[in-house]
């Protein structure tokens, strides 16, 4: 197993979450978010009860920024935990404590 760079893991997960939410914001902006979310709920046997509000650029930017930051922190922590567990497993294989 390779060591993971916590910074790169954070950037990768942060970028994925930011792009996911940027896509959602674009769906809202072009007016197709409501039928899309209604369909997703329908195929999960959930009665759609949510109403998508009109697009707001500032709110969309905040959504992308906040989820990107949360993704970065989560990815960074994942990298730290992964590396720690990898070191512990390697030490056990060598017979160390």
PDB file of N, CA and C in Angstrom:
ATOM      1  N   UNK A   1       0.832  -1.180   0.000  1.00  0.00           N
ATOM      2  CA  UNK A   1       0.000   0.000   0.000  1.00  0.00           C
ATOM      3  C   UNK A   1       0.874   1.241   0.000  1.00  0.00           C
ATOM      4  N   UNK A   2       0.454   2.195  -0.751  1.00  0.00           N
ATOM      5  CA  UNK A   2       1.192   3.442  -0.871  1.00  0.00           C
ATOM      6  C   UNK A   2       0.713   4.464   0.145  1.00  0.00           C
ATOM      7  N   UNK A   3       1.597   5.370   0.485  1.00  0.00           N
ATOM      8  CA  UNK A   3       1.232   6.499   1.331  1.00  0.00           C
ATOM      9  C   UNK A   3       0.381   7.451   0.495  1.00  0.00           C
ATOM     10  N   UNK A   4      -0.607   8.066   1.117  1.00  0.00           N
ATOM     11  CA  UNK A   4      -1.475   9.023   0.448  1.00  0.00           C
ATOM     12  C   UNK A   4      -1.116  10.420   0.935  1.00  0.00           C
ATOM     13  N   UNK A   5      -0.988  11.342   0.018  1.00  0.00           N
ATOM     14  CA  UNK A   5      -0.772  12.732   0.398  1.00  0.00           C
ATOM     15  C   UNK A   5      -2.099  13.290   0.915  1.00  0.00           C
ATOM     16  N   UNK A   6      -2.179  13.653   2.201  1.00  0.00           N
ATOM     17  CA  UNK A   6      -3.426  14.217   2.714  1.00  0.00           C
ATOM     18  C   UNK A   6      -3.883  15.444   1.930  1.00  0.00           C
ATOM     19  N   UNK A   7      -2.938  16.274   1.502  1.00  0.00           N
ATOM     20  CA  UNK A   7      -3.300  17.466   0.741  1.00  0.00           C
ATOM     21  C   UNK A   7      -3.937  17.087  -0.597  1.00  0.00           C
ATOM     22  N   UNK A   8      -3.330  16.121  -1.304  1.00  0.00           N
ATOM     23  CA  UNK A   8      -3.889  15.701  -2.592  1.00  0.00           C
ATOM     24  C   UNK A   8      -5.240  15.013  -2.414  1.00  0.00           C
ATOM     25  N   UNK A   9      -5.386  14.216  -1.367  1.00  0.00           N
ATOM     26  CA  UNK A   9      -6.671  13.567  -1.097  1.00  0.00           C
ATOM     27  C   UNK A   9      -7.734  14.626  -0.802  1.00  0.00           C
ATOM     28  N   UNK A  10      -7.362  15.631  -0.028  1.00  0.00           N
ATOM     29  CA  UNK A  10      -8.286  16.721   0.275  1.00  0.00           C
ATOM     30  C   UNK A  10      -8.677  17.495  -0.966  1.00  0.00           C
ATOM     31  N   UNK A  11      -7.696  17.800  -1.806  1.00  0.00           N
ATOM     32  CA  UNK A  11      -7.996  18.520  -3.041  1.00  0.00           C
ATOM     33  C   UNK A  11      -8.889  17.683  -3.958  1.00  0.00           C
ATOM     34  N   UNK A  12      -8.615  16.392  -4.041  1.00  0.00           N
ATOM     35  CA  UNK A  12      -9.409  15.524  -4.918  1.00  0.00           C
ATOM     36  C   UNK A  12     -10.858  15.449  -4.445  1.00  0.00           C
ATOM     37  N   UNK A  13     -11.073  15.157  -3.168  1.00  0.00           N
ATOM     38  CA  UNK A  13     -12.444  15.047  -2.667  1.00  0.00           C
ATOM     39  C   UNK A  13     -13.140  16.406  -2.683  1.00  0.00           C
ATOM     40  N   UNK A  14     -12.407  17.447  -2.342  1.00  0.00           N
ATOM     41  CA  UNK A  14     -12.982  18.787  -2.392  1.00  0.00           C
ATOM     42  C   UNK A  14     -13.423  19.154  -3.799  1.00  0.00           C
ATOM     43  N   UNK A  15     -12.617  18.807  -4.791  1.00  0.00           N
ATOM     44  CA  UNK A  15     -12.964  19.097  -6.187  1.00  0.00           C
ATOM     45  C   UNK A  15     -14.186  18.300  -6.627  1.00  0.00           C
ATOM     46  N   UNK A  16     -14.253  17.030  -6.231  1.00  0.00           N
ATOM     47  CA  UNK A  16     -15.405  16.202  -6.605  1.00  0.00           C
ATOM     48  C   UNK A  16     -16.690  16.785  -6.022  1.00  0.00           C
ATOM     49  N   UNK A  17     -16.678  17.108  -4.730  1.00  0.00           N
ATOM     50  CA  UNK A  17     -17.885  17.655  -4.099  1.00  0.00           C
ATOM     51  C   UNK A  17     -18.240  19.021  -4.664  1.00  0.00           C
ATOM     52  N   UNK A  18     -17.239  19.850  -4.917  1.00  0.00           N
ATOM     53  CA  UNK A  18     -17.505  21.176  -5.487  1.00  0.00           C
ATOM     54  C   UNK A  18     -18.104  21.041  -6.886  1.00  0.00           C
ATOM     55  N   UNK A  19     -17.555  20.153  -7.705  1.00  0.00           N
ATOM     56  CA  UNK A  19     -18.093  19.953  -9.061  1.00  0.00           C
ATOM     57  C   UNK A  19     -19.498  19.374  -9.025  1.00  0.00           C
ATOM     58  N   UNK A  20     -19.758  18.456  -8.093  1.00  0.00           N
ATOM     59  CA  UNK A  20     -21.096  17.881  -7.945  1.00  0.00           C
ATOM     60  C   UNK A  20     -22.117  18.985  -7.649  1.00  0.00           C
ATOM     61  N   UNK A  21     -21.756  19.878  -6.742  1.00  0.00           N
ATOM     62  CA  UNK A  21     -22.678  20.942  -6.364  1.00  0.00           C
ATOM     63  C   UNK A  21     -22.730  22.064  -7.406  1.00  0.00           C
ATOM     64  N   UNK A  22     -21.659  22.251  -8.148  1.00  0.00           N
ATOM     65  CA  UNK A  22     -21.699  23.178  -9.272  1.00  0.00           C
ATOM     66  C   UNK A  22     -22.687  22.663 -10.326  1.00  0.00           C
ATOM     67  N   UNK A  23     -22.658  21.353 -10.559  1.00  0.00           N
ATOM     68  CA  UNK A  23     -23.604  20.745 -11.494  1.00  0.00           C
ATOM     69  C   UNK A  23     -25.039  20.955 -11.018  1.00  0.00           C
ATOM     70  N   UNK A  24     -25.274  20.741  -9.724  1.00  0.00           N
ATOM     71  CA  UNK A  24     -26.613  20.974  -9.178  1.00  0.00           C
ATOM     72  C   UNK A  24     -27.034  22.432  -9.384  1.00  0.00           C
ATOM     73  N   UNK A  25     -26.126  23.362  -9.107  1.00  0.00           N
ATOM     74  CA  UNK A  25     -26.430  24.783  -9.283  1.00  0.00           C
ATOM     75  C   UNK A  25     -26.771  25.096 -10.736  1.00  0.00           C
ATOM     76  N   UNK A  26     -26.069  24.458 -11.669  1.00  0.00           N
ATOM     77  CA  UNK A  26     -26.372  24.673 -13.082  1.00  0.00           C
ATOM     78  C   UNK A  26     -27.745  24.115 -13.448  1.00  0.00           C
ATOM     79  N   UNK A  27     -28.113  22.963 -12.872  1.00  0.00           N
ATOM     80  CA  UNK A  27     -29.449  22.411 -13.107  1.00  0.00           C
ATOM     81  C   UNK A  27     -30.520  23.373 -12.606  1.00  0.00           C
ATOM     82  N   UNK A  28     -30.276  23.993 -11.449  1.00  0.00           N
ATOM     83  CA  UNK A  28     -31.220  24.985 -10.916  1.00  0.00           C
ATOM     84  C   UNK A  28     -31.269  26.190 -11.853  1.00  0.00           C
ATOM     85  N   UNK A  29     -30.106  26.651 -12.302  1.00  0.00           N
ATOM     86  CA  UNK A  29     -30.034  27.847 -13.148  1.00  0.00           C
ATOM     87  C   UNK A  29     -30.772  27.664 -14.476  1.00  0.00           C
ATOM     88  N   UNK A  30     -30.701  26.463 -15.053  1.00  0.00           N
ATOM     89  CA  UNK A  30     -31.354  26.263 -16.360  1.00  0.00           C
ATOM     90  C   UNK A  30     -32.792  25.769 -16.217  1.00  0.00           C
ATOM     91  N   UNK A  31     -33.239  25.590 -14.970  1.00  0.00           N
ATOM     92  CA  UNK A  31     -34.637  25.286 -14.731  1.00  0.00           C
ATOM     93  C   UNK A  31     -35.045  23.825 -14.825  1.00  0.00           C
ATOM     94  N   UNK A  32     -34.096  22.912 -14.735  1.00  0.00           N
ATOM     95  CA  UNK A  32     -34.456  21.492 -14.826  1.00  0.00           C
ATOM     96  C   UNK A  32     -34.271  20.737 -13.509  1.00  0.00           C
ATOM     97  N   UNK A  33     -33.930  21.450 -12.451  1.00  0.00           N
ATOM     98  CA  UNK A  33     -33.674  20.798 -11.166  1.00  0.00           C
ATOM     99  C   UNK A  33     -34.937  20.189 -10.567  1.00  0.00           C
ATOM    100  N   UNK A  34     -36.075  20.881 -10.682  1.00  0.00           N
ATOM    101  CA  UNK A  34     -37.310  20.369 -10.067  1.00  0.00           C
ATOM    102  C   UNK A  34     -37.736  19.034 -10.681  1.00  0.00           C
ATOM    103  N   UNK A  35     -37.840  18.922 -12.015  1.00  0.00           N
ATOM    104  CA  UNK A  35     -38.217  17.615 -12.558  1.00  0.00           C
ATOM    105  C   UNK A  35     -37.165  16.539 -12.266  1.00  0.00           C
ATOM    106  N   UNK A  36     -35.911  16.933 -12.214  1.00  0.00           N
ATOM    107  CA  UNK A  36     -34.836  15.979 -11.927  1.00  0.00           C
ATOM    108  C   UNK A  36     -34.971  15.421 -10.508  1.00  0.00           C
ATOM    109  N   UNK A  37     -35.141  16.293  -9.532  1.00  0.00           N
ATOM    110  CA  UNK A  37     -35.251  15.837  -8.141  1.00  0.00           C
ATOM    111  C   UNK A  37     -36.556  15.073  -7.933  1.00  0.00           C
ATOM    112  N   UNK A  38     -37.625  15.508  -8.606  1.00  0.00           N
ATOM    113  CA  UNK A  38     -38.888  14.769  -8.521  1.00  0.00           C
ATOM    114  C   UNK A  38     -38.708  13.341  -9.041  1.00  0.00           C
ATOM    115  N   UNK A  39     -37.993  13.199 -10.153  1.00  0.00           N
ATOM    116  CA  UNK A  39     -37.737  11.867 -10.716  1.00  0.00           C
ATOM    117  C   UNK A  39     -36.907  11.022  -9.763  1.00  0.00           C
ATOM    118  N   UNK A  40     -35.846  11.601  -9.204  1.00  0.00           N
ATOM    119  CA  UNK A  40     -34.986  10.844  -8.278  1.00  0.00           C
ATOM    120  C   UNK A  40     -35.769  10.355  -7.060  1.00  0.00           C
ATOM    121  N   UNK A  41     -36.609  11.229  -6.516  1.00  0.00           N
ATOM    122  CA  UNK A  41     -37.440  10.798  -5.393  1.00  0.00           C
ATOM    123  C   UNK A  41     -38.403   9.698  -5.831  1.00  0.00           C
ATOM    124  N   UNK A  42     -39.022   9.867  -6.985  1.00  0.00           N
ATOM    125  CA  UNK A  42     -39.998   8.901  -7.475  1.00  0.00           C
ATOM    126  C   UNK A  42     -39.395   7.509  -7.618  1.00  0.00           C
ATOM    127  N   UNK A  43     -38.190   7.407  -8.189  1.00  0.00           N
ATOM    128  CA  UNK A  43     -37.591   6.082  -8.377  1.00  0.00           C
ATOM    129  C   UNK A  43     -37.124   5.470  -7.056  1.00  0.00           C
ATOM    130  N   UNK A  44     -37.067   6.284  -5.995  1.00  0.00           N
ATOM    131  CA  UNK A  44     -36.733   5.767  -4.668  1.00  0.00           C
ATOM    132  C   UNK A  44     -37.978   5.564  -3.806  1.00  0.00           C
ATOM    133  N   UNK A  45     -39.157   5.622  -4.448  1.00  0.00           N
ATOM    134  CA  UNK A  45     -40.425   5.424  -3.751  1.00  0.00           C
ATOM    135  C   UNK A  45     -40.667   6.492  -2.680  1.00  0.00           C
ATOM    136  N   UNK A  46     -40.234   7.715  -2.970  1.00  0.00           N
ATOM    137  CA  UNK A  46     -40.418   8.842  -2.061  1.00  0.00           C
ATOM    138  C   UNK A  46     -41.328   9.850  -2.740  1.00  0.00           C
ATOM    139  N   UNK A  47     -42.335  10.302  -2.034  1.00  0.00           N
ATOM    140  CA  UNK A  47     -43.231  11.314  -2.581  1.00  0.00           C
ATOM    141  C   UNK A  47     -42.508  12.658  -2.546  1.00  0.00           C
ATOM    142  N   UNK A  48     -42.309  13.284  -3.707  1.00  0.00           N
ATOM    143  CA  UNK A  48     -41.598  14.571  -3.730  1.00  0.00           C
ATOM    144  C   UNK A  48     -42.375  15.651  -2.977  1.00  0.00           C
ATOM    145  N   UNK A  49     -41.718  16.283  -2.012  1.00  0.00           N
ATOM    146  CA  UNK A  49     -42.346  17.346  -1.242  1.00  0.00           C
ATOM    147  C   UNK A  49     -41.521  18.635  -1.267  1.00  0.00           C
ATOM    148  N   UNK A  50     -40.340  18.581  -1.846  1.00  0.00           N
ATOM    149  CA  UNK A  50     -39.463  19.751  -1.855  1.00  0.00           C
ATOM    150  C   UNK A  50     -39.692  20.577  -3.105  1.00  0.00           C
ATOM    151  N   UNK A  51     -39.578  21.896  -2.957  1.00  0.00           N
ATOM    152  CA  UNK A  51     -39.727  22.813  -4.077  1.00  0.00           C
ATOM    153  C   UNK A  51     -38.397  23.533  -4.268  1.00  0.00           C
ATOM    154  N   UNK A  52     -37.875  23.483  -5.478  1.00  0.00           N
ATOM    155  CA  UNK A  52     -36.606  24.137  -5.789  1.00  0.00           C
ATOM    156  C   UNK A  52     -36.862  25.639  -5.942  1.00  0.00           C
ATOM    157  N   UNK A  53     -36.090  26.436  -5.238  1.00  0.00           N
ATOM    158  CA  UNK A  53     -36.230  27.889  -5.297  1.00  0.00           C
ATOM    159  C   UNK A  53     -35.520  28.431  -6.527  1.00  0.00           C
ATOM    160  N   UNK A  54     -35.807  29.683  -6.878  1.00  0.00           N
ATOM    161  CA  UNK A  54     -35.134  30.299  -8.030  1.00  0.00           C
ATOM    162  C   UNK A  54     -33.621  30.376  -7.798  1.00  0.00           C
ATOM    163  N   UNK A  55     -32.884  30.371  -8.890  1.00  0.00           N
ATOM    164  CA  UNK A  55     -31.424  30.428  -8.845  1.00  0.00           C
ATOM    165  C   UNK A  55     -30.956  31.746  -8.260  1.00  0.00           C
ATOM    166  N   UNK A  56     -29.921  31.661  -7.416  1.00  0.00           N
ATOM    167  CA  UNK A  56     -29.286  32.836  -6.824  1.00  0.00           C
ATOM    168  C   UNK A  56     -27.782  32.610  -6.921  1.00  0.00           C
ATOM    169  N   UNK A  57     -27.098  33.449  -7.675  1.00  0.00           N
ATOM    170  CA  UNK A  57     -25.665  33.260  -7.931  1.00  0.00           C
ATOM    171  C   UNK A  57     -24.844  33.252  -6.644  1.00  0.00           C
ATOM    172  N   UNK A  58     -25.129  34.154  -5.720  1.00  0.00           N
ATOM    173  CA  UNK A  58     -24.373  34.206  -4.467  1.00  0.00           C
ATOM    174  C   UNK A  58     -24.566  32.926  -3.662  1.00  0.00           C
ATOM    175  N   UNK A  59     -25.796  32.444  -3.577  1.00  0.00           N
ATOM    176  CA  UNK A  59     -26.067  31.216  -2.833  1.00  0.00           C
ATOM    177  C   UNK A  59     -25.387  30.023  -3.522  1.00  0.00           C
ATOM    178  N   UNK A  60     -25.406  29.999  -4.844  1.00  0.00           N
ATOM    179  CA  UNK A  60     -24.752  28.914  -5.588  1.00  0.00           C
ATOM    180  C   UNK A  60     -23.246  28.922  -5.323  1.00  0.00           C
ATOM    181  N   UNK A  61     -22.644  30.106  -5.328  1.00  0.00           N
ATOM    182  CA  UNK A  61     -21.205  30.215  -5.061  1.00  0.00           C
ATOM    183  C   UNK A  61     -20.884  29.740  -3.645  1.00  0.00           C
ATOM    184  N   UNK A  62     -21.735  30.112  -2.689  1.00  0.00           N
ATOM    185  CA  UNK A  62     -21.527  29.664  -1.309  1.00  0.00           C
ATOM    186  C   UNK A  62     -21.642  28.146  -1.214  1.00  0.00           C
ATOM    187  N   UNK A  63     -22.627  27.559  -1.915  1.00  0.00           N
ATOM    188  CA  UNK A  63     -22.804  26.110  -1.907  1.00  0.00           C
ATOM    189  C   UNK A  63     -21.560  25.406  -2.423  1.00  0.00           C
ATOM    190  N   UNK A  64     -21.037  25.858  -3.546  1.00  0.00           N
ATOM    191  CA  UNK A  64     -19.856  25.234  -4.140  1.00  0.00           C
ATOM    192  C   UNK A  64     -18.638  25.421  -3.235  1.00  0.00           C
ATOM    193  N   UNK A  65     -18.456  26.612  -2.683  1.00  0.00           N
ATOM    194  CA  UNK A  65     -17.314  26.893  -1.811  1.00  0.00           C
ATOM    195  C   UNK A  65     -17.374  26.072  -0.519  1.00  0.00           C
ATOM    196  N   UNK A  66     -18.513  26.067   0.137  1.00  0.00           N
ATOM    197  CA  UNK A  66     -18.644  25.347   1.414  1.00  0.00           C
ATOM    198  C   UNK A  66     -18.457  23.845   1.212  1.00  0.00           C
ATOM    199  N   UNK A  67     -19.098  23.270   0.189  1.00  0.00           N
ATOM    200  CA  UNK A  67     -18.946  21.825  -0.015  1.00  0.00           C
ATOM    201  C   UNK A  67     -17.528  21.477  -0.455  1.00  0.00           C
ATOM    202  N   UNK A  68     -16.896  22.363  -1.212  1.00  0.00           N
ATOM    203  CA  UNK A  68     -15.496  22.126  -1.577  1.00  0.00           C
ATOM    204  C   UNK A  68     -14.590  22.113  -0.352  1.00  0.00           C
ATOM    205  N   UNK A  69     -14.821  23.049   0.570  1.00  0.00           N
ATOM    206  CA  UNK A  69     -14.025  23.102   1.805  1.00  0.00           C
ATOM    207  C   UNK A  69     -14.277  21.882   2.688  1.00  0.00           C
ATOM    208  N   UNK A  70     -15.533  21.494   2.818  1.00  0.00           N
ATOM    209  CA  UNK A  70     -15.861  20.297   3.606  1.00  0.00           C
ATOM    210  C   UNK A  70     -15.203  19.075   2.983  1.00  0.00           C
ATOM    211  N   UNK A  71     -15.254  18.973   1.662  1.00  0.00           N
ATOM    212  CA  UNK A  71     -14.609  17.858   0.976  1.00  0.00           C
ATOM    213  C   UNK A  71     -13.109  17.846   1.193  1.00  0.00           C
ATOM    214  N   UNK A  72     -12.493  19.038   1.168  1.00  0.00           N
ATOM    215  CA  UNK A  72     -11.051  19.101   1.404  1.00  0.00           C
ATOM    216  C   UNK A  72     -10.704  18.581   2.796  1.00  0.00           C
ATOM    217  N   UNK A  73     -11.428  19.056   3.800  1.00  0.00           N
ATOM    218  CA  UNK A  73     -11.150  18.631   5.178  1.00  0.00           C
ATOM    219  C   UNK A  73     -11.359  17.118   5.317  1.00  0.00           C
ATOM    220  N   UNK A  74     -12.455  16.605   4.766  1.00  0.00           N
ATOM    221  CA  UNK A  74     -12.725  15.169   4.861  1.00  0.00           C
ATOM    222  C   UNK A  74     -11.648  14.359   4.150  1.00  0.00           C
ATOM    223  N   UNK A  75     -11.239  14.790   2.967  1.00  0.00           N
ATOM    224  CA  UNK A  75     -10.187  14.091   2.234  1.00  0.00           C
ATOM    225  C   UNK A  75      -8.850  14.158   2.948  1.00  0.00           C
ATOM    226  N   UNK A  76      -8.528  15.305   3.528  1.00  0.00           N
ATOM    227  CA  UNK A  76      -7.283  15.464   4.268  1.00  0.00           C
ATOM    228  C   UNK A  76      -7.257  14.520   5.469  1.00  0.00           C
ATOM    229  N   UNK A  77      -8.368  14.486   6.212  1.00  0.00           N
ATOM    230  CA  UNK A  77      -8.450  13.584   7.364  1.00  0.00           C
ATOM    231  C   UNK A  77      -8.363  12.126   6.928  1.00  0.00           C
ATOM    232  N   UNK A  78      -9.008  11.780   5.801  1.00  0.00           N
ATOM    233  CA  UNK A  78      -8.904  10.428   5.267  1.00  0.00           C
ATOM    234  C   UNK A  78      -7.440  10.074   4.986  1.00  0.00           C
ATOM    235  N   UNK A  79      -6.707  11.003   4.362  1.00  0.00           N
ATOM    236  CA  UNK A  79      -5.292  10.761   4.072  1.00  0.00           C
ATOM    237  C   UNK A  79      -4.473  10.538   5.332  1.00  0.00           C
ATOM    238  N   UNK A  80      -4.739  11.324   6.366  1.00  0.00           N
ATOM    239  CA  UNK A  80      -4.016  11.145   7.637  1.00  0.00           C
ATOM    240  C   UNK A  80      -4.319   9.785   8.257  1.00  0.00           C
ATOM    241  N   UNK A  81      -5.598   9.414   8.290  1.00  0.00           N
ATOM    242  CA  UNK A  81      -6.002   8.131   8.876  1.00  0.00           C
ATOM    243  C   UNK A  81      -5.419   6.976   8.066  1.00  0.00           C
ATOM    244  N   UNK A  82      -5.514   7.065   6.742  1.00  0.00           N
ATOM    245  CA  UNK A  82      -4.970   6.020   5.870  1.00  0.00           C
ATOM    246  C   UNK A  82      -3.482   5.810   6.148  1.00  0.00           C
ATOM    247  N   UNK A  83      -2.726   6.905   6.197  1.00  0.00           N
ATOM    248  CA  UNK A  83      -1.280   6.801   6.421  1.00  0.00           C
ATOM    249  C   UNK A  83      -0.974   6.225   7.794  1.00  0.00           C
ATOM    250  N   UNK A  84      -1.728   6.618   8.796  1.00  0.00           N
ATOM    251  CA  UNK A  84      -1.526   6.101  10.151  1.00  0.00           C
ATOM    252  C   UNK A  84      -1.790   4.595  10.199  1.00  0.00           C
ATOM    253  N   UNK A  85      -2.903   4.170   9.611  1.00  0.00           N
ATOM    254  CA  UNK A  85      -3.229   2.744   9.592  1.00  0.00           C
ATOM    255  C   UNK A  85      -2.193   1.963   8.788  1.00  0.00           C
ATOM    256  N   UNK A  86      -1.702   2.524   7.706  1.00  0.00           N
ATOM    257  CA  UNK A  86      -0.684   1.872   6.896  1.00  0.00           C
ATOM    258  C   UNK A  86       0.614   1.696   7.687  1.00  0.00           C
ATOM    259  N   UNK A  87       1.005   2.739   8.437  1.00  0.00           N
ATOM    260  CA  UNK A  87       2.220   2.641   9.270  1.00  0.00           C
ATOM    261  C   UNK A  87       2.055   1.567  10.343  1.00  0.00           C
ATOM    262  N   UNK A  88       0.879   1.516  10.969  1.00  0.00           N
ATOM    263  CA  UNK A  88       0.634   0.519  12.012  1.00  0.00           C
ATOM    264  C   UNK A  88       0.686  -0.893  11.429  1.00  0.00           C
ATOM    265  N   UNK A  89       0.114  -1.107  10.254  1.00  0.00           N
ATOM    266  CA  UNK A  89       0.136  -2.427   9.623  1.00  0.00           C
ATOM    267  C   UNK A  89       1.560  -2.809   9.242  1.00  0.00           C
ATOM    268  N   UNK A  90       2.333  -1.871   8.743  1.00  0.00           N
ATOM    269  CA  UNK A  90       3.715  -2.145   8.370  1.00  0.00           C
ATOM    270  C   UNK A  90       4.546  -2.491   9.593  1.00  0.00           C
ATOM    271  N   UNK A  91       4.296  -1.806  10.714  1.00  0.00           N
ATOM    272  CA  UNK A  91       5.028  -2.082  11.949  1.00  0.00           C
ATOM    273  C   UNK A  91       4.685  -3.486  12.448  1.00  0.00           C
ATOM    274  N   UNK A  92       3.431  -3.890  12.354  1.00  0.00           N
ATOM    275  CA  UNK A  92       3.039  -5.241  12.780  1.00  0.00           C
ATOM    276  C   UNK A  92       3.709  -6.312  11.924  1.00  0.00           C
ATOM    277  N   UNK A  93       3.797  -6.051  10.618  1.00  0.00           N
ATOM    278  CA  UNK A  93       4.449  -7.019   9.732  1.00  0.00           C
ATOM    279  C   UNK A  93       5.918  -7.174  10.078  1.00  0.00           C
ATOM    280  N   UNK A  94       6.539  -6.086  10.556  1.00  0.00           N
ATOM    281  CA  UNK A  94       7.956  -6.140  10.927  1.00  0.00           C
ATOM    282  C   UNK A  94       8.140  -6.671  12.347  1.00  0.00           C
ATOM    283  N   UNK A  95       7.042  -6.888  13.078  1.00  0.00           N
ATOM    284  CA  UNK A  95       7.132  -7.400  14.428  1.00  0.00           C
ATOM    285  C   UNK A  95       7.304  -6.340  15.481  1.00  0.00           C
ATOM    286  N   UNK A  96       7.059  -5.089  15.109  1.00  0.00           N
ATOM    287  CA  UNK A  96       7.169  -3.989  16.071  1.00  0.00           C
ATOM    288  C   UNK A  96       5.808  -3.748  16.707  1.00  0.00           C
ATOM    289  N   UNK A  97       5.793  -2.936  17.766  1.00  0.00           N
ATOM    290  CA  UNK A  97       4.521  -2.583  18.392  1.00  0.00           C
ATOM    291  C   UNK A  97       4.048  -1.241  17.943  1.00  0.00           C
TER     292      UNK A  97
END
